[in-house]
N, C-alpha and C. Protein backbone atom coordinates (compact mmCIF):
# COMPACT_ATOMS: atom_id res chain seq x y z
N MET A 1 0.84 -1.18 0.00
CA MET A 1 0.00 0.00 0.00
C MET A 1 0.88 1.24 0.00
N SER A 2 0.49 2.24 -0.74
CA SER A 2 1.25 3.48 -0.85
C SER A 2 0.91 4.43 0.29
N ASP A 3 1.85 5.32 0.57
CA ASP A 3 1.65 6.32 1.61
C ASP A 3 1.78 7.72 1.03
N VAL A 4 0.99 8.62 1.57
CA VAL A 4 1.11 10.04 1.27
C VAL A 4 1.61 10.70 2.55
N ILE A 5 2.67 11.48 2.43
CA ILE A 5 3.19 12.21 3.58
C ILE A 5 3.19 13.69 3.23
N VAL A 6 2.45 14.46 4.01
CA VAL A 6 2.43 15.90 3.84
C VAL A 6 3.51 16.46 4.76
N LYS A 7 4.47 17.15 4.16
CA LYS A 7 5.60 17.69 4.90
C LYS A 7 5.46 19.21 4.94
N ILE A 8 5.44 19.77 6.12
CA ILE A 8 5.36 21.21 6.30
C ILE A 8 6.76 21.68 6.69
N ILE A 9 7.31 22.60 5.90
CA ILE A 9 8.66 23.10 6.17
C ILE A 9 8.66 24.63 6.12
N PRO A 10 9.56 25.25 6.89
CA PRO A 10 9.74 26.70 6.76
C PRO A 10 10.34 27.02 5.40
N LYS A 11 9.96 28.17 4.82
CA LYS A 11 10.57 28.58 3.55
C LYS A 11 12.04 28.93 3.74
N ASP A 12 12.40 29.40 4.92
CA ASP A 12 13.81 29.67 5.25
C ASP A 12 14.42 28.35 5.71
N PRO A 13 15.36 27.79 4.95
CA PRO A 13 15.91 26.47 5.26
C PRO A 13 16.52 26.32 6.66
N LYS A 14 16.97 27.43 7.25
CA LYS A 14 17.64 27.34 8.55
C LYS A 14 16.72 27.65 9.73
N PHE A 15 15.47 28.02 9.46
CA PHE A 15 14.54 28.38 10.53
C PHE A 15 14.11 27.16 11.33
N VAL A 16 14.09 27.34 12.65
CA VAL A 16 13.58 26.32 13.57
C VAL A 16 12.65 27.02 14.54
N PRO A 17 11.40 26.54 14.69
CA PRO A 17 10.48 27.19 15.63
C PRO A 17 10.94 26.99 17.07
N SER A 18 10.55 27.92 17.93
CA SER A 18 10.88 27.79 19.35
C SER A 18 10.12 26.61 19.95
N GLU A 19 10.58 26.14 21.09
CA GLU A 19 9.91 25.03 21.79
C GLU A 19 8.45 25.38 22.08
N MET A 20 8.20 26.62 22.48
CA MET A 20 6.85 27.04 22.81
C MET A 20 5.96 26.98 21.55
N LYS A 21 6.45 27.52 20.46
CA LYS A 21 5.68 27.51 19.22
C LYS A 21 5.48 26.08 18.73
N LEU A 22 6.51 25.25 18.86
CA LEU A 22 6.39 23.86 18.44
C LEU A 22 5.33 23.13 19.27
N GLY A 23 5.27 23.42 20.55
CA GLY A 23 4.23 22.83 21.40
C GLY A 23 2.84 23.22 20.93
N GLU A 24 2.66 24.49 20.55
CA GLU A 24 1.37 24.95 20.04
C GLU A 24 1.02 24.27 18.72
N VAL A 25 2.02 24.10 17.86
CA VAL A 25 1.81 23.44 16.58
C VAL A 25 1.38 21.98 16.82
N LYS A 26 2.09 21.28 17.69
CA LYS A 26 1.75 19.88 17.98
C LYS A 26 0.32 19.76 18.50
N GLU A 27 -0.03 20.62 19.42
CA GLU A 27 -1.38 20.58 19.99
C GLU A 27 -2.43 20.83 18.90
N TRP A 28 -2.20 21.82 18.04
CA TRP A 28 -3.16 22.15 16.99
C TRP A 28 -3.30 21.00 16.00
N ILE A 29 -2.17 20.41 15.57
CA ILE A 29 -2.23 19.30 14.61
C ILE A 29 -2.95 18.10 15.24
N ASN A 30 -2.63 17.77 16.48
CA ASN A 30 -3.30 16.64 17.14
C ASN A 30 -4.80 16.81 17.19
N PHE A 31 -5.26 18.04 17.35
CA PHE A 31 -6.68 18.32 17.48
C PHE A 31 -7.38 18.47 16.12
N ASN A 32 -6.65 18.98 15.10
CA ASN A 32 -7.29 19.37 13.84
C ASN A 32 -6.98 18.51 12.61
N VAL A 33 -5.96 17.67 12.67
CA VAL A 33 -5.57 16.91 11.48
C VAL A 33 -5.56 15.42 11.80
N SER A 34 -6.56 14.73 11.30
CA SER A 34 -6.68 13.29 11.51
C SER A 34 -5.69 12.58 10.58
N ASN A 35 -4.83 11.74 11.16
CA ASN A 35 -3.82 11.06 10.36
C ASN A 35 -3.31 9.82 11.08
N GLU A 36 -2.50 9.02 10.38
CA GLU A 36 -1.93 7.81 10.98
C GLU A 36 -0.81 8.13 11.96
N LYS A 37 -0.01 9.12 11.63
CA LYS A 37 1.17 9.42 12.44
C LYS A 37 1.70 10.80 12.06
N THR A 38 2.19 11.55 13.04
CA THR A 38 2.84 12.83 12.78
C THR A 38 4.21 12.81 13.42
N GLU A 39 5.22 13.17 12.63
CA GLU A 39 6.59 13.26 13.14
C GLU A 39 7.06 14.71 13.04
N TYR A 40 7.86 15.11 14.00
CA TYR A 40 8.49 16.43 14.01
C TYR A 40 9.99 16.16 13.94
N ILE A 41 10.60 16.55 12.83
CA ILE A 41 11.99 16.20 12.58
C ILE A 41 12.84 17.46 12.60
N LEU A 42 13.88 17.43 13.43
CA LEU A 42 14.85 18.52 13.50
C LEU A 42 16.23 17.92 13.33
N THR A 43 16.99 18.45 12.37
CA THR A 43 18.34 17.96 12.14
C THR A 43 19.34 19.09 12.34
N ASP A 44 20.58 18.73 12.55
CA ASP A 44 21.63 19.74 12.71
C ASP A 44 21.94 20.43 11.38
N GLU A 45 21.73 19.72 10.31
CA GLU A 45 22.07 20.23 8.98
C GLU A 45 20.80 20.41 8.14
N VAL A 46 20.87 21.30 7.18
CA VAL A 46 19.80 21.47 6.21
C VAL A 46 19.77 20.21 5.34
N ARG A 47 18.58 19.77 4.99
CA ARG A 47 18.43 18.60 4.12
C ARG A 47 17.40 18.89 3.04
N PHE A 48 17.45 18.10 1.98
CA PHE A 48 16.49 18.24 0.89
C PHE A 48 15.21 17.53 1.28
N ILE A 49 14.09 18.23 1.21
CA ILE A 49 12.79 17.67 1.54
C ILE A 49 12.11 17.36 0.20
N ASP A 50 12.06 16.09 -0.13
CA ASP A 50 11.61 15.69 -1.46
C ASP A 50 10.13 15.34 -1.49
N GLN A 51 9.63 15.18 -2.70
CA GLN A 51 8.24 14.85 -2.93
C GLN A 51 8.05 13.38 -3.34
N GLY A 52 9.09 12.58 -3.14
CA GLY A 52 8.99 11.15 -3.45
C GLY A 52 8.67 10.91 -4.91
N GLU A 53 7.73 10.01 -5.14
CA GLU A 53 7.35 9.66 -6.51
C GLU A 53 6.60 10.79 -7.22
N ASN A 54 6.25 11.84 -6.49
CA ASN A 54 5.60 13.00 -7.12
C ASN A 54 6.57 13.87 -7.90
N PHE A 55 7.87 13.57 -7.82
CA PHE A 55 8.85 14.36 -8.57
C PHE A 55 8.53 14.28 -10.06
N GLU A 56 8.39 15.46 -10.70
CA GLU A 56 8.11 15.49 -12.13
C GLU A 56 9.15 16.29 -12.88
N SER A 57 9.30 17.56 -12.49
CA SER A 57 10.23 18.43 -13.21
C SER A 57 10.58 19.62 -12.33
N ILE A 58 11.55 20.40 -12.80
CA ILE A 58 11.97 21.61 -12.10
C ILE A 58 12.02 22.73 -13.14
N GLY A 59 11.49 23.90 -12.76
CA GLY A 59 11.48 25.03 -13.69
C GLY A 59 12.32 26.19 -13.16
N CYS A 60 12.79 27.00 -14.09
CA CYS A 60 13.54 28.19 -13.75
C CYS A 60 12.58 29.26 -13.22
N PRO A 61 12.89 29.91 -12.10
CA PRO A 61 12.01 30.94 -11.57
C PRO A 61 12.03 32.24 -12.38
N PHE A 62 12.94 32.35 -13.35
CA PHE A 62 13.06 33.57 -14.15
C PHE A 62 12.45 33.41 -15.54
N CYS A 63 12.88 32.38 -16.26
CA CYS A 63 12.42 32.23 -17.66
C CYS A 63 11.43 31.08 -17.85
N SER A 64 11.16 30.35 -16.78
CA SER A 64 10.21 29.22 -16.78
C SER A 64 10.66 28.03 -17.62
N SER A 65 11.90 28.04 -18.09
CA SER A 65 12.42 26.88 -18.83
C SER A 65 12.53 25.70 -17.88
N ASN A 66 12.45 24.49 -18.44
CA ASN A 66 12.71 23.31 -17.63
C ASN A 66 14.19 23.26 -17.29
N ILE A 67 14.48 22.98 -16.04
CA ILE A 67 15.86 22.85 -15.59
C ILE A 67 16.37 21.47 -16.02
N ASP A 68 17.55 21.45 -16.60
CA ASP A 68 18.17 20.19 -16.99
C ASP A 68 18.49 19.38 -15.74
N LEU A 69 18.01 18.14 -15.67
CA LEU A 69 18.18 17.33 -14.46
C LEU A 69 19.63 16.92 -14.22
N ASP A 70 20.43 16.81 -15.28
CA ASP A 70 21.86 16.52 -15.08
C ASP A 70 22.53 17.71 -14.39
N TRP A 71 22.21 18.93 -14.85
CA TRP A 71 22.75 20.14 -14.20
C TRP A 71 22.31 20.19 -12.75
N TRP A 72 21.02 19.94 -12.52
CA TRP A 72 20.49 19.97 -11.15
C TRP A 72 21.20 18.95 -10.27
N GLY A 73 21.43 17.77 -10.79
CA GLY A 73 22.14 16.74 -10.03
C GLY A 73 23.54 17.18 -9.65
N GLU A 74 24.21 17.84 -10.57
CA GLU A 74 25.57 18.33 -10.30
C GLU A 74 25.57 19.41 -9.22
N VAL A 75 24.64 20.37 -9.32
CA VAL A 75 24.63 21.45 -8.32
C VAL A 75 24.14 20.92 -6.96
N MET A 76 23.28 19.90 -6.97
CA MET A 76 22.86 19.27 -5.72
C MET A 76 24.05 18.56 -5.06
N ASP A 77 24.84 17.86 -5.86
CA ASP A 77 26.04 17.20 -5.32
C ASP A 77 26.99 18.22 -4.70
N LYS A 78 27.19 19.32 -5.40
CA LYS A 78 28.07 20.38 -4.89
C LYS A 78 27.52 20.96 -3.59
N ALA A 79 26.23 21.24 -3.55
CA ALA A 79 25.61 21.81 -2.34
C ALA A 79 25.64 20.81 -1.18
N SER A 80 25.50 19.54 -1.48
CA SER A 80 25.50 18.53 -0.40
C SER A 80 26.86 18.45 0.28
N LYS A 81 27.92 18.80 -0.43
CA LYS A 81 29.26 18.77 0.16
C LYS A 81 29.42 19.83 1.25
N THR A 82 28.56 20.85 1.24
CA THR A 82 28.57 21.87 2.29
C THR A 82 27.39 21.67 3.24
N SER A 83 26.80 20.45 3.21
CA SER A 83 25.61 20.14 4.01
C SER A 83 24.48 21.13 3.73
N PHE A 84 24.40 21.54 2.50
CA PHE A 84 23.36 22.45 2.01
C PHE A 84 23.35 23.79 2.75
N HIS A 85 24.51 24.21 3.25
CA HIS A 85 24.61 25.55 3.85
C HIS A 85 24.60 26.62 2.76
N ASN A 86 25.14 26.27 1.61
CA ASN A 86 25.16 27.21 0.49
C ASN A 86 24.29 26.64 -0.62
N LEU A 87 23.12 27.24 -0.83
CA LEU A 87 22.18 26.79 -1.85
C LEU A 87 22.22 27.66 -3.10
N SER A 88 23.17 28.59 -3.16
CA SER A 88 23.27 29.52 -4.29
C SER A 88 23.67 28.80 -5.56
N VAL A 89 22.97 29.17 -6.65
CA VAL A 89 23.30 28.65 -7.97
C VAL A 89 23.07 29.74 -9.01
N VAL A 90 23.63 29.54 -10.18
CA VAL A 90 23.34 30.37 -11.34
C VAL A 90 22.69 29.43 -12.34
N THR A 91 21.47 29.77 -12.76
CA THR A 91 20.73 28.87 -13.64
C THR A 91 21.49 28.63 -14.94
N ASP A 92 21.35 27.41 -15.46
CA ASP A 92 22.04 27.07 -16.70
C ASP A 92 21.29 27.58 -17.93
N CYS A 93 20.04 27.97 -17.77
CA CYS A 93 19.22 28.40 -18.91
C CYS A 93 19.38 29.90 -19.21
N CYS A 94 19.35 30.73 -18.17
CA CYS A 94 19.38 32.18 -18.41
C CYS A 94 20.42 32.90 -17.56
N ASN A 95 21.30 32.13 -16.92
CA ASN A 95 22.42 32.68 -16.15
C ASN A 95 22.00 33.69 -15.08
N GLU A 96 20.93 33.38 -14.36
CA GLU A 96 20.44 34.23 -13.27
C GLU A 96 20.82 33.60 -11.94
N ALA A 97 21.24 34.44 -10.99
CA ALA A 97 21.58 33.96 -9.65
C ALA A 97 20.30 33.69 -8.86
N THR A 98 20.26 32.55 -8.22
CA THR A 98 19.11 32.16 -7.39
C THR A 98 19.57 31.13 -6.37
N SER A 99 18.63 30.41 -5.83
CA SER A 99 18.90 29.40 -4.82
C SER A 99 18.24 28.09 -5.25
N LEU A 100 18.82 26.98 -4.88
CA LEU A 100 18.17 25.69 -5.12
C LEU A 100 16.78 25.66 -4.50
N ASN A 101 16.62 26.38 -3.40
CA ASN A 101 15.33 26.42 -2.70
C ASN A 101 14.29 27.25 -3.45
N GLU A 102 14.73 28.12 -4.36
CA GLU A 102 13.81 28.99 -5.10
C GLU A 102 13.45 28.45 -6.47
N LEU A 103 14.03 27.33 -6.87
CA LEU A 103 13.65 26.74 -8.15
C LEU A 103 12.19 26.30 -8.07
N ASN A 104 11.53 26.23 -9.22
CA ASN A 104 10.11 25.85 -9.25
C ASN A 104 9.99 24.34 -9.43
N TYR A 105 9.84 23.65 -8.30
CA TYR A 105 9.69 22.20 -8.32
C TYR A 105 8.23 21.87 -8.61
N LYS A 106 7.99 21.13 -9.70
CA LYS A 106 6.63 20.66 -9.98
C LYS A 106 6.33 19.64 -8.91
N TRP A 107 5.32 19.86 -8.12
CA TRP A 107 5.10 19.24 -6.83
C TRP A 107 6.20 19.80 -5.92
N ASN A 108 5.82 20.65 -5.02
CA ASN A 108 6.77 21.36 -4.15
C ASN A 108 7.83 20.45 -3.56
N ALA A 109 9.01 21.01 -3.39
CA ALA A 109 10.13 20.41 -2.68
C ALA A 109 10.88 21.58 -2.07
N GLY A 110 11.81 21.31 -1.18
CA GLY A 110 12.56 22.41 -0.58
C GLY A 110 13.67 21.91 0.32
N PHE A 111 14.24 22.82 1.06
CA PHE A 111 15.36 22.53 1.94
C PHE A 111 15.02 23.03 3.33
N SER A 112 15.38 22.25 4.35
CA SER A 112 15.02 22.65 5.70
C SER A 112 15.76 21.81 6.73
N ARG A 113 15.92 22.41 7.92
CA ARG A 113 16.41 21.67 9.10
C ARG A 113 15.23 21.07 9.86
N PHE A 114 14.05 21.67 9.71
CA PHE A 114 12.89 21.28 10.49
C PHE A 114 11.74 20.91 9.56
N SER A 115 11.04 19.84 9.91
CA SER A 115 9.84 19.49 9.14
C SER A 115 8.80 18.84 10.05
N ILE A 116 7.56 19.05 9.67
CA ILE A 116 6.44 18.33 10.27
C ILE A 116 5.99 17.37 9.18
N GLU A 117 5.95 16.08 9.49
CA GLU A 117 5.60 15.09 8.48
C GLU A 117 4.34 14.36 8.93
N ILE A 118 3.27 14.57 8.18
CA ILE A 118 1.95 14.03 8.51
C ILE A 118 1.67 12.87 7.56
N MET A 119 1.59 11.66 8.12
CA MET A 119 1.43 10.47 7.30
C MET A 119 -0.05 10.16 7.07
N ASN A 120 -0.40 10.04 5.80
CA ASN A 120 -1.75 9.69 5.37
C ASN A 120 -2.83 10.51 6.06
N PRO A 121 -2.78 11.84 5.90
CA PRO A 121 -3.85 12.66 6.49
C PRO A 121 -5.18 12.27 5.87
N ARG A 122 -6.21 12.29 6.69
CA ARG A 122 -7.53 11.86 6.22
C ARG A 122 -8.31 12.99 5.54
N GLU A 123 -7.79 14.20 5.64
CA GLU A 123 -8.40 15.32 4.93
C GLU A 123 -7.29 16.24 4.43
N GLU A 124 -7.64 17.04 3.45
CA GLU A 124 -6.69 17.97 2.84
C GLU A 124 -6.36 19.11 3.81
N LEU A 125 -5.09 19.51 3.87
CA LEU A 125 -4.73 20.72 4.61
C LEU A 125 -5.14 21.91 3.75
N THR A 126 -6.06 22.70 4.24
CA THR A 126 -6.59 23.82 3.46
C THR A 126 -5.66 25.02 3.53
N ILE A 127 -5.96 26.02 2.71
CA ILE A 127 -5.22 27.28 2.75
C ILE A 127 -5.34 27.90 4.14
N GLU A 128 -6.52 27.80 4.74
CA GLU A 128 -6.73 28.34 6.09
C GLU A 128 -5.85 27.62 7.11
N HIS A 129 -5.73 26.29 6.98
CA HIS A 129 -4.85 25.52 7.86
C HIS A 129 -3.41 26.00 7.70
N THR A 130 -2.98 26.13 6.45
CA THR A 130 -1.61 26.56 6.17
C THR A 130 -1.33 27.94 6.74
N GLU A 131 -2.27 28.86 6.56
CA GLU A 131 -2.09 30.21 7.09
C GLU A 131 -2.02 30.20 8.62
N TYR A 132 -2.83 29.37 9.27
CA TYR A 132 -2.80 29.30 10.72
C TYR A 132 -1.48 28.69 11.21
N LEU A 133 -1.00 27.66 10.51
CA LEU A 133 0.29 27.07 10.87
C LEU A 133 1.42 28.08 10.72
N MET A 134 1.34 28.96 9.70
CA MET A 134 2.35 30.01 9.55
C MET A 134 2.34 30.94 10.76
N GLN A 135 1.15 31.30 11.22
CA GLN A 135 1.04 32.14 12.41
C GLN A 135 1.62 31.44 13.63
N LEU A 136 1.27 30.18 13.81
CA LEU A 136 1.77 29.44 14.97
C LEU A 136 3.29 29.30 14.95
N MET A 137 3.85 28.97 13.79
CA MET A 137 5.29 28.75 13.69
C MET A 137 6.08 30.05 13.65
N GLY A 138 5.43 31.14 13.23
CA GLY A 138 6.14 32.41 13.15
C GLY A 138 7.02 32.53 11.92
N CYS A 139 6.63 31.86 10.83
CA CYS A 139 7.41 31.92 9.59
C CYS A 139 6.53 31.55 8.42
N LYS A 140 7.00 31.86 7.22
CA LYS A 140 6.33 31.40 6.01
C LYS A 140 6.67 29.93 5.84
N ILE A 141 5.71 29.17 5.33
CA ILE A 141 5.92 27.73 5.19
C ILE A 141 5.63 27.27 3.77
N LYS A 142 6.08 26.06 3.50
CA LYS A 142 5.86 25.41 2.23
C LYS A 142 5.30 24.02 2.54
N LYS A 143 4.32 23.59 1.75
CA LYS A 143 3.74 22.26 1.90
C LYS A 143 4.29 21.36 0.79
N VAL A 144 4.94 20.28 1.18
CA VAL A 144 5.49 19.32 0.24
C VAL A 144 4.65 18.05 0.38
N VAL A 145 4.04 17.61 -0.71
CA VAL A 145 3.24 16.39 -0.68
C VAL A 145 4.05 15.29 -1.35
N ALA A 146 4.40 14.29 -0.55
CA ALA A 146 5.23 13.19 -1.04
C ALA A 146 4.40 11.91 -1.14
N PHE A 147 4.67 11.16 -2.17
CA PHE A 147 4.00 9.88 -2.40
C PHE A 147 5.09 8.82 -2.46
N TYR A 148 4.94 7.79 -1.64
CA TYR A 148 5.91 6.69 -1.62
C TYR A 148 5.21 5.36 -1.80
């Protein structure tokens, strides 16, 4: 059987919510989001938060061209050598400076030290839910839907 994991991450890869805010988030999710399991993951290093089998393509945030996956693999390898502390890249299509985190991933993906991972939620997280979670966490967030 396949699993859907909704991953909530801060848009700022290095942001970590305070213990107090995290407690409020846990309480809200336990009360409002019916699911099989919720994990709160905090790592010392930034990591790539992927969309699993939902990965389709990556687009340039400037010219909307499809990003060459070989180029992306190379810049990901380079960034991983610094534990993703430096996500800066220059696009191969239009030579614009940006970040790996700012590329347009078809099915969201991103980089983060902290994630909330909700396994098989029984209902969709609405825009209102997302906005409330942003208030609770004190940061802008991104929702990554992964299928495994």
